[in-house]
Amino acid sequence: MTKATAIIVGANSLLSREIAKQLASQGVELALLAQDPDSLQEFVDSLPTQTHVFPLEITAPQKIIATLEQVWEKLGGAHLVIVNTGLNSYDPQLPWLPEQDIITVNVQGYAAICNTAFKLFRDQGYGQLAAINSIAGLRGGPSVAYHASKAFASNYLDGLSMHAQRLKLPITITDIQLGLLDKAAMQQSRLWLSPPDEVARQIIKAMQKAKRKVYVTKRWLLVAWLTKLLPEFIYNTRHWRTKAERLAAKAEGKK
């Protein structure tokens, strides 16, 4: 296998497509796994390198495993597997079904992908597994299952990295800790939002440098540091409201 090849699991998102676009510009052959593969056809046709598209059934771990093995065989192996899957929701009533869906996708589906990719790299003798996670996993939060699932995701990569070291194999594990981009977008914060192409560029640069863990964009490292340091009585009294809601509450208080 001489030509660089990469598999992107969860290719429907804007960030995944931007990563694919930048990798393709570097001559990397791609395999994209997406829940809605037909919607990617126009995008795939625009890429300068050979690109294959496969369906992704993220809620069915056994089907995920079978698909990854099929993709691997078709490509003749891969240098890089990028995992960008995740489900999030927030309901103050904490109904069980959304929590269950998050656990199914973010824990079971994610683990099946990472476990299978690692085994394929082990048999191949080398490779890089990179997963796009979130600093939401540093502590619990209002989206209870989501925060917990991201803690699981990061710890799962820790274990795989330790296992690669025990096997003495050149398998690189890269944990990409994204900032709270959904929250920043909800609050319309220009300071903490970055264009998708810049986010993708920093992710690719970190992978090329074989980083074990990286915060993207870099400014979120400060937030991660503060999140870990905040005492419980301060962390648990933060207000999870949009900018509009905060302004409305402030105006109401002046009446």
C-alpha atoms as a PDB file:
ATOM      1  CA  MET A   1       0.000   0.000   0.000  1.00  0.00           C
ATOM      2  CA  THR A   2       1.913   3.035  -1.288  1.00  0.00           C
ATOM      3  CA  LYS A   3      -0.735   5.689  -1.754  1.00  0.00           C
ATOM      4  CA  ALA A   4      -2.007   7.324   1.446  1.00  0.00           C
ATOM      5  CA  THR A   5      -5.512   6.167   2.310  1.00  0.00           C
ATOM      6  CA  ALA A   6      -7.961   7.377   4.941  1.00  0.00           C
ATOM      7  CA  ILE A   7     -11.343   6.197   6.183  1.00  0.00           C
ATOM      8  CA  ILE A   8     -13.692   8.818   7.646  1.00  0.00           C
ATOM      9  CA  VAL A   9     -16.502   7.381   9.747  1.00  0.00           C
ATOM     10  CA  GLY A  10     -19.358   9.862  10.070  1.00  0.00           C
ATOM     11  CA  ALA A  11     -18.779  11.755   6.825  1.00  0.00           C
ATOM     12  CA  ASN A  12     -22.087  13.629   6.578  1.00  0.00           C
ATOM     13  CA  SER A  13     -21.108  16.457   8.904  1.00  0.00           C
ATOM     14  CA  LEU A  14     -19.724  19.757   7.657  1.00  0.00           C
ATOM     15  CA  LEU A  15     -16.478  19.212   9.577  1.00  0.00           C
ATOM     16  CA  SER A  16     -15.966  15.719   8.155  1.00  0.00           C
ATOM     17  CA  ARG A  17     -16.485  17.013   4.636  1.00  0.00           C
ATOM     18  CA  GLU A  18     -13.972  19.804   5.204  1.00  0.00           C
ATOM     19  CA  ILE A  19     -11.427  17.292   6.512  1.00  0.00           C
ATOM     20  CA  ALA A  20     -12.083  15.072   3.492  1.00  0.00           C
ATOM     21  CA  LYS A  21     -11.671  18.038   1.150  1.00  0.00           C
ATOM     22  CA  GLN A  22      -8.311  19.001   2.645  1.00  0.00           C
ATOM     23  CA  LEU A  23      -7.022  15.425   2.715  1.00  0.00           C
ATOM     24  CA  ALA A  24      -8.074  14.936  -0.903  1.00  0.00           C
ATOM     25  CA  SER A  25      -6.150  18.077  -1.879  1.00  0.00           C
ATOM     26  CA  GLN A  26      -3.078  16.338  -0.446  1.00  0.00           C
ATOM     27  CA  GLY A  27      -3.651  13.311  -2.679  1.00  0.00           C
ATOM     28  CA  VAL A  28      -5.157  10.998  -0.061  1.00  0.00           C
ATOM     29  CA  GLU A  29      -7.536   8.284  -1.298  1.00  0.00           C
ATOM     30  CA  LEU A  30     -10.718   8.320   0.788  1.00  0.00           C
ATOM     31  CA  ALA A  31     -13.453   6.022   1.999  1.00  0.00           C
ATOM     32  CA  LEU A  32     -16.410   7.871   3.502  1.00  0.00           C
ATOM     33  CA  LEU A  33     -18.912   6.140   5.774  1.00  0.00           C
ATOM     34  CA  ALA A  34     -22.151   8.082   6.140  1.00  0.00           C
ATOM     35  CA  GLN A  35     -25.690   7.507   7.358  1.00  0.00           C
ATOM     36  CA  ASP A  36     -26.987   9.178   4.218  1.00  0.00           C
ATOM     37  CA  PRO A  37     -24.430   8.218   1.541  1.00  0.00           C
ATOM     38  CA  ASP A  38     -26.539   9.460  -1.379  1.00  0.00           C
ATOM     39  CA  SER A  39     -26.381  13.022  -0.066  1.00  0.00           C
ATOM     40  CA  LEU A  40     -22.586  12.966  -0.452  1.00  0.00           C
ATOM     41  CA  GLN A  41     -22.496  12.117  -4.156  1.00  0.00           C
ATOM     42  CA  GLU A  42     -22.180  15.675  -5.444  1.00  0.00           C
ATOM     43  CA  PHE A  43     -19.477  16.389  -2.864  1.00  0.00           C
ATOM     44  CA  VAL A  44     -17.583  13.213  -3.760  1.00  0.00           C
ATOM     45  CA  ASP A  45     -17.685  14.093  -7.454  1.00  0.00           C
ATOM     46  CA  SER A  46     -15.952  17.388  -6.651  1.00  0.00           C
ATOM     47  CA  LEU A  47     -12.948  15.766  -4.946  1.00  0.00           C
ATOM     48  CA  PRO A  48      -9.670  15.405  -6.873  1.00  0.00           C
ATOM     49  CA  THR A  49      -8.828  11.910  -5.561  1.00  0.00           C
ATOM     50  CA  GLN A  50     -10.541   8.541  -5.708  1.00  0.00           C
ATOM     51  CA  THR A  51     -13.281   8.428  -3.085  1.00  0.00           C
ATOM     52  CA  HIS A  52     -15.525   5.548  -2.061  1.00  0.00           C
ATOM     53  CA  VAL A  53     -18.775   5.924  -0.148  1.00  0.00           C
ATOM     54  CA  PHE A  54     -20.327   3.331   2.152  1.00  0.00           C
ATOM     55  CA  PRO A  55     -23.466   3.302   4.336  1.00  0.00           C
ATOM     56  CA  LEU A  56     -23.071   3.658   8.102  1.00  0.00           C
ATOM     57  CA  GLU A  57     -25.609   2.123  10.481  1.00  0.00           C
ATOM     58  CA  ILE A  58     -24.360   3.771  13.643  1.00  0.00           C
ATOM     59  CA  THR A  59     -26.982   2.152  15.900  1.00  0.00           C
ATOM     60  CA  ALA A  60     -26.035  -1.406  14.862  1.00  0.00           C
ATOM     61  CA  PRO A  61     -22.516  -2.284  16.120  1.00  0.00           C
ATOM     62  CA  GLN A  62     -22.294  -5.625  14.297  1.00  0.00           C
ATOM     63  CA  LYS A  63     -23.161  -3.962  10.991  1.00  0.00           C
ATOM     64  CA  ILE A  64     -20.584  -1.241  11.659  1.00  0.00           C
ATOM     65  CA  ILE A  65     -17.919  -3.899  12.196  1.00  0.00           C
ATOM     66  CA  ALA A  66     -18.878  -5.714   8.995  1.00  0.00           C
ATOM     67  CA  THR A  67     -18.842  -2.487   6.972  1.00  0.00           C
ATOM     68  CA  LEU A  68     -15.413  -1.444   8.262  1.00  0.00           C
ATOM     69  CA  GLU A  69     -13.977  -4.852   7.417  1.00  0.00           C
ATOM     70  CA  GLN A  70     -15.515  -4.605   3.931  1.00  0.00           C
ATOM     71  CA  VAL A  71     -14.043  -1.139   3.402  1.00  0.00           C
ATOM     72  CA  TRP A  72     -10.646  -2.319   4.646  1.00  0.00           C
ATOM     73  CA  GLU A  73     -10.621  -5.197   2.192  1.00  0.00           C
ATOM     74  CA  LYS A  74     -11.651  -2.950  -0.711  1.00  0.00           C
ATOM     75  CA  LEU A  75      -8.882  -0.432   0.022  1.00  0.00           C
ATOM     76  CA  GLY A  76      -6.288  -3.071   0.834  1.00  0.00           C
ATOM     77  CA  GLY A  77      -5.825  -1.462   4.257  1.00  0.00           C
ATOM     78  CA  ALA A  78      -5.608   2.154   5.369  1.00  0.00           C
ATOM     79  CA  HIS A  79      -3.130   4.530   6.950  1.00  0.00           C
ATOM     80  CA  LEU A  80      -5.697   6.557   8.869  1.00  0.00           C
ATOM     81  CA  VAL A  81      -9.150   6.083  10.351  1.00  0.00           C
ATOM     82  CA  ILE A  82     -10.993   9.197  11.553  1.00  0.00           C
ATOM     83  CA  VAL A  83     -14.051   8.766  13.754  1.00  0.00           C
ATOM     84  CA  ASN A  84     -16.480  11.679  13.830  1.00  0.00           C
ATOM     85  CA  THR A  85     -19.725  10.306  15.207  1.00  0.00           C
ATOM     86  CA  GLY A  86     -21.828  11.741  17.958  1.00  0.00           C
ATOM     87  CA  LEU A  87     -25.338  12.504  19.097  1.00  0.00           C
ATOM     88  CA  ASN A  88     -26.359  15.248  21.506  1.00  0.00           C
ATOM     89  CA  SER A  89     -29.601  16.604  22.911  1.00  0.00           C
ATOM     90  CA  TYR A  90     -30.768  18.549  25.932  1.00  0.00           C
ATOM     91  CA  ASP A  91     -34.073  18.268  27.737  1.00  0.00           C
ATOM     92  CA  PRO A  92     -34.337  19.508  31.344  1.00  0.00           C
ATOM     93  CA  GLN A  93     -36.908  16.745  32.005  1.00  0.00           C
ATOM     94  CA  LEU A  94     -34.265  14.091  31.208  1.00  0.00           C
ATOM     95  CA  PRO A  95     -36.524  11.626  29.333  1.00  0.00           C
ATOM     96  CA  TRP A  96     -34.862   8.234  28.980  1.00  0.00           C
ATOM     97  CA  LEU A  97     -35.199   7.603  25.224  1.00  0.00           C
ATOM     98  CA  PRO A  98     -32.911  10.481  24.106  1.00  0.00           C
ATOM     99  CA  GLU A  99     -30.376   9.386  26.753  1.00  0.00           C
ATOM    100  CA  GLN A 100     -30.555   5.828  25.436  1.00  0.00           C
ATOM    101  CA  ASP A 101     -30.028   7.002  21.861  1.00  0.00           C
ATOM    102  CA  ILE A 102     -26.959   9.010  22.884  1.00  0.00           C
ATOM    103  CA  ILE A 103     -25.475   6.006  24.695  1.00  0.00           C
ATOM    104  CA  THR A 104     -26.183   3.722  21.744  1.00  0.00           C
ATOM    105  CA  VAL A 105     -24.456   6.039  19.254  1.00  0.00           C
ATOM    106  CA  ASN A 106     -21.735   7.668  21.354  1.00  0.00           C
ATOM    107  CA  VAL A 107     -20.737   4.631  23.392  1.00  0.00           C
ATOM    108  CA  GLN A 108     -21.714   1.387  21.663  1.00  0.00           C
ATOM    109  CA  GLY A 109     -21.330   2.579  18.072  1.00  0.00           C
ATOM    110  CA  TYR A 110     -18.183   4.558  18.822  1.00  0.00           C
ATOM    111  CA  ALA A 111     -16.538   1.672  20.680  1.00  0.00           C
ATOM    112  CA  ALA A 112     -17.366  -0.770  17.891  1.00  0.00           C
ATOM    113  CA  ILE A 113     -15.709   1.527  15.346  1.00  0.00           C
ATOM    114  CA  CYS A 114     -12.574   2.178  17.397  1.00  0.00           C
ATOM    115  CA  ASN A 115     -12.208  -1.437  18.483  1.00  0.00           C
ATOM    116  CA  THR A 116     -12.497  -2.735  14.921  1.00  0.00           C
ATOM    117  CA  ALA A 117     -10.142  -0.102  13.511  1.00  0.00           C
ATOM    118  CA  PHE A 118      -7.542  -0.936  16.159  1.00  0.00           C
ATOM    119  CA  LYS A 119      -7.738  -4.663  15.398  1.00  0.00           C
ATOM    120  CA  LEU A 120      -7.316  -3.982  11.674  1.00  0.00           C
ATOM    121  CA  PHE A 121      -4.296  -1.761  12.371  1.00  0.00           C
ATOM    122  CA  ARG A 122      -2.873  -4.433  14.676  1.00  0.00           C
ATOM    123  CA  ASP A 123      -3.114  -7.065  11.948  1.00  0.00           C
ATOM    124  CA  GLN A 124      -1.656  -4.611   9.431  1.00  0.00           C
ATOM    125  CA  GLY A 125       1.168  -3.675  11.785  1.00  0.00           C
ATOM    126  CA  TYR A 126       0.742   0.109  11.781  1.00  0.00           C
ATOM    127  CA  GLY A 127      -1.726   2.967  11.352  1.00  0.00           C
ATOM    128  CA  GLN A 128      -3.375   5.945  13.029  1.00  0.00           C
ATOM    129  CA  LEU A 129      -6.751   6.110  14.718  1.00  0.00           C
ATOM    130  CA  ALA A 130      -8.043   9.636  15.327  1.00  0.00           C
ATOM    131  CA  ALA A 131     -11.345  10.400  17.018  1.00  0.00           C
ATOM    132  CA  ILE A 132     -13.080  13.754  17.230  1.00  0.00           C
ATOM    133  CA  ASN A 133     -14.291  14.090  20.800  1.00  0.00           C
ATOM    134  CA  SER A 134     -15.227  17.040  23.003  1.00  0.00           C
ATOM    135  CA  ILE A 135     -14.060  18.867  26.117  1.00  0.00           C
ATOM    136  CA  ALA A 136     -17.611  18.222  27.320  1.00  0.00           C
ATOM    137  CA  GLY A 137     -16.191  14.918  28.557  1.00  0.00           C
ATOM    138  CA  LEU A 138     -13.988  16.631  31.133  1.00  0.00           C
ATOM    139  CA  ARG A 139     -16.859  16.923  33.618  1.00  0.00           C
ATOM    140  CA  GLY A 140     -20.542  16.182  33.880  1.00  0.00           C
ATOM    141  CA  GLY A 141     -22.989  18.636  32.394  1.00  0.00           C
ATOM    142  CA  PRO A 142     -26.639  19.409  31.637  1.00  0.00           C
ATOM    143  CA  SER A 143     -26.661  17.085  28.614  1.00  0.00           C
ATOM    144  CA  VAL A 144     -26.030  14.248  31.040  1.00  0.00           C
ATOM    145  CA  ALA A 145     -25.521  11.266  28.736  1.00  0.00           C
ATOM    146  CA  TYR A 146     -23.577  13.335  26.192  1.00  0.00           C
ATOM    147  CA  HIS A 147     -21.010  14.573  28.727  1.00  0.00           C
ATOM    148  CA  ALA A 148     -20.653  11.063  30.147  1.00  0.00           C
ATOM    149  CA  SER A 149     -20.299   9.511  26.693  1.00  0.00           C
ATOM    150  CA  LYS A 150     -17.494  11.900  25.774  1.00  0.00           C
ATOM    151  CA  ALA A 151     -15.638  10.941  28.956  1.00  0.00           C
ATOM    152  CA  PHE A 152     -16.007   7.308  27.889  1.00  0.00           C
ATOM    153  CA  ALA A 153     -14.759   8.122  24.390  1.00  0.00           C
ATOM    154  CA  SER A 154     -11.592   9.792  25.639  1.00  0.00           C
ATOM    155  CA  ASN A 155     -10.846   7.033  28.142  1.00  0.00           C
ATOM    156  CA  TYR A 156     -11.409   4.381  25.496  1.00  0.00           C
ATOM    157  CA  LEU A 157      -8.673   5.982  23.395  1.00  0.00           C
ATOM    158  CA  ASP A 158      -6.386   6.053  26.441  1.00  0.00           C
ATOM    159  CA  GLY A 159      -6.808   2.299  26.756  1.00  0.00           C
ATOM    160  CA  LEU A 160      -6.142   1.674  23.063  1.00  0.00           C
ATOM    161  CA  SER A 161      -2.998   3.808  23.240  1.00  0.00           C
ATOM    162  CA  MET A 162      -1.746   1.806  26.225  1.00  0.00           C
ATOM    163  CA  HIS A 163      -2.539  -1.429  24.381  1.00  0.00           C
ATOM    164  CA  ALA A 164      -0.564  -0.320  21.315  1.00  0.00           C
ATOM    165  CA  GLN A 165       2.420   0.388  23.580  1.00  0.00           C
ATOM    166  CA  ARG A 166       2.165  -3.053  25.174  1.00  0.00           C
ATOM    167  CA  LEU A 167       2.105  -4.652  21.725  1.00  0.00           C
ATOM    168  CA  LYS A 168       5.084  -2.482  20.699  1.00  0.00           C
ATOM    169  CA  LEU A 169       3.293  -1.529  17.484  1.00  0.00           C
ATOM    170  CA  PRO A 170       3.493   1.828  15.644  1.00  0.00           C
ATOM    171  CA  ILE A 171      -0.220   2.527  16.029  1.00  0.00           C
ATOM    172  CA  THR A 172      -0.881   6.188  16.776  1.00  0.00           C
ATOM    173  CA  ILE A 173      -3.968   7.153  18.764  1.00  0.00           C
ATOM    174  CA  THR A 174      -5.041  10.797  18.474  1.00  0.00           C
ATOM    175  CA  ASP A 175      -7.748  12.244  20.714  1.00  0.00           C
ATOM    176  CA  ILE A 176      -9.072  15.464  19.162  1.00  0.00           C
ATOM    177  CA  GLN A 177     -10.815  17.486  21.842  1.00  0.00           C
ATOM    178  CA  LEU A 178     -13.155  19.957  20.185  1.00  0.00           C
ATOM    179  CA  GLY A 179     -14.356  22.986  22.074  1.00  0.00           C
ATOM    180  CA  LEU A 180     -18.012  23.476  22.943  1.00  0.00           C
ATOM    181  CA  LEU A 181     -18.804  24.655  19.431  1.00  0.00           C
ATOM    182  CA  ASP A 182     -22.538  23.960  19.677  1.00  0.00           C
ATOM    183  CA  LYS A 183     -22.790  26.069  22.818  1.00  0.00           C
ATOM    184  CA  ALA A 184     -20.652  28.842  21.281  1.00  0.00           C
ATOM    185  CA  ALA A 185     -22.914  28.872  18.219  1.00  0.00           C
ATOM    186  CA  MET A 186     -26.034  28.936  20.394  1.00  0.00           C
ATOM    187  CA  GLN A 187     -24.671  31.942  22.290  1.00  0.00           C
ATOM    188  CA  GLN A 188     -23.484  33.588  19.044  1.00  0.00           C
ATOM    189  CA  SER A 189     -19.940  33.914  20.399  1.00  0.00           C
ATOM    190  CA  ARG A 190     -17.572  35.036  17.656  1.00  0.00           C
ATOM    191  CA  LEU A 191     -14.599  34.725  19.991  1.00  0.00           C
ATOM    192  CA  TRP A 192     -14.955  30.962  20.417  1.00  0.00           C
ATOM    193  CA  LEU A 193     -16.189  30.015  16.961  1.00  0.00           C
ATOM    194  CA  SER A 194     -13.779  29.310  14.103  1.00  0.00           C
ATOM    195  CA  PRO A 195     -14.478  28.621  10.409  1.00  0.00           C
ATOM    196  CA  PRO A 196     -14.783  24.881   9.616  1.00  0.00           C
ATOM    197  CA  ASP A 197     -11.778  25.035   7.277  1.00  0.00           C
ATOM    198  CA  GLU A 198      -9.587  26.334  10.126  1.00  0.00           C
ATOM    199  CA  VAL A 199     -10.878  23.662  12.513  1.00  0.00           C
ATOM    200  CA  ALA A 200     -10.151  20.985   9.892  1.00  0.00           C
ATOM    201  CA  ARG A 201      -6.701  22.423   9.216  1.00  0.00           C
ATOM    202  CA  GLN A 202      -5.741  22.231  12.889  1.00  0.00           C
ATOM    203  CA  ILE A 203      -7.091  18.678  13.138  1.00  0.00           C
ATOM    204  CA  ILE A 204      -5.096  17.509  10.123  1.00  0.00           C
ATOM    205  CA  LYS A 205      -1.949  19.226  11.385  1.00  0.00           C
ATOM    206  CA  ALA A 206      -2.314  17.476  14.757  1.00  0.00           C
ATOM    207  CA  MET A 207      -2.768  14.102  13.067  1.00  0.00           C
ATOM    208  CA  GLN A 208       0.274  14.641  10.856  1.00  0.00           C
ATOM    209  CA  LYS A 209       2.313  15.438  13.974  1.00  0.00           C
ATOM    210  CA  ALA A 210       0.990  12.219  15.578  1.00  0.00           C
ATOM    211  CA  LYS A 211      -0.322  14.147  18.582  1.00  0.00           C
ATOM    212  CA  ARG A 212      -1.710  11.976  21.373  1.00  0.00           C
ATOM    213  CA  LYS A 213      -4.241  14.629  22.455  1.00  0.00           C
ATOM    214  CA  VAL A 214      -4.977  18.053  21.017  1.00  0.00           C
ATOM    215  CA  TYR A 215      -7.497  20.818  21.718  1.00  0.00           C
ATOM    216  CA  VAL A 216      -9.141  22.377  18.655  1.00  0.00           C
ATOM    217  CA  THR A 217      -9.090  25.202  18.192  1.00  0.00           C
ATOM    218  CA  LYS A 218      -6.126  25.981  20.421  1.00  0.00           C
ATOM    219  CA  ARG A 219      -7.959  28.652  22.419  1.00  0.00           C
ATOM    220  CA  TRP A 220     -10.203  25.939  23.910  1.00  0.00           C
ATOM    221  CA  LEU A 221      -7.213  24.614  25.850  1.00  0.00           C
ATOM    222  CA  LEU A 222      -7.751  27.497  28.283  1.00  0.00           C
ATOM    223  CA  VAL A 223     -11.416  26.603  28.734  1.00  0.00           C
ATOM    224  CA  ALA A 224     -10.498  22.950  29.287  1.00  0.00           C
ATOM    225  CA  TRP A 225      -7.937  23.950  31.895  1.00  0.00           C
ATOM    226  CA  LEU A 226     -10.429  26.167  33.728  1.00  0.00           C
ATOM    227  CA  THR A 227     -13.138  23.507  33.528  1.00  0.00           C
ATOM    228  CA  LYS A 228     -10.924  21.013  35.326  1.00  0.00           C
ATOM    229  CA  LEU A 229      -9.881  23.534  37.975  1.00  0.00           C
ATOM    230  CA  LEU A 230     -13.268  25.034  38.885  1.00  0.00           C
ATOM    231  CA  PRO A 231     -14.477  23.869  42.309  1.00  0.00           C
ATOM    232  CA  GLU A 232     -17.746  21.966  42.342  1.00  0.00           C
ATOM    233  CA  PHE A 233     -19.809  24.734  43.977  1.00  0.00           C
ATOM    234  CA  ILE A 234     -18.867  27.138  41.162  1.00  0.00           C
ATOM    235  CA  TYR A 235     -19.038  24.648  38.287  1.00  0.00           C
ATOM    236  CA  ASN A 236     -22.552  23.528  39.248  1.00  0.00           C
ATOM    237  CA  THR A 237     -24.004  27.044  39.511  1.00  0.00           C
ATOM    238  CA  ARG A 238     -23.239  28.145  35.960  1.00  0.00           C
ATOM    239  CA  HIS A 239     -26.203  29.236  33.857  1.00  0.00           C
ATOM    240  CA  TRP A 240     -26.736  27.286  30.629  1.00  0.00           C
ATOM    241  CA  ARG A 241     -28.720  29.896  28.753  1.00  0.00           C
ATOM    242  CA  THR A 242     -28.498  31.499  25.332  1.00  0.00           C
ATOM    243  CA  LYS A 243     -27.334  35.068  24.954  1.00  0.00           C
ATOM    244  CA  ALA A 244     -30.906  36.122  24.113  1.00  0.00           C
ATOM    245  CA  GLU A 245     -32.231  34.417  27.246  1.00  0.00           C
ATOM    246  CA  ARG A 246     -29.619  36.114  29.429  1.00  0.00           C
ATOM    247  CA  LEU A 247     -30.466  39.536  27.965  1.00  0.00           C
ATOM    248  CA  ALA A 248     -34.180  38.916  28.434  1.00  0.00           C
ATOM    249  CA  ALA A 249     -33.637  37.909  32.062  1.00  0.00           C
ATOM    250  CA  LYS A 250     -31.500  40.990  32.635  1.00  0.00           C
ATOM    251  CA  ALA A 251     -34.169  43.242  31.120  1.00  0.00           C
ATOM    252  CA  GLU A 252     -36.837  41.585  33.256  1.00  0.00           C
ATOM    253  CA  GLY A 253     -34.764  42.239  36.352  1.00  0.00           C
ATOM    254  CA  LYS A 254     -34.674  45.961  35.637  1.00  0.00           C
ATOM    255  CA  LYS A 255     -38.464  46.285  35.594  1.00  0.00           C
END
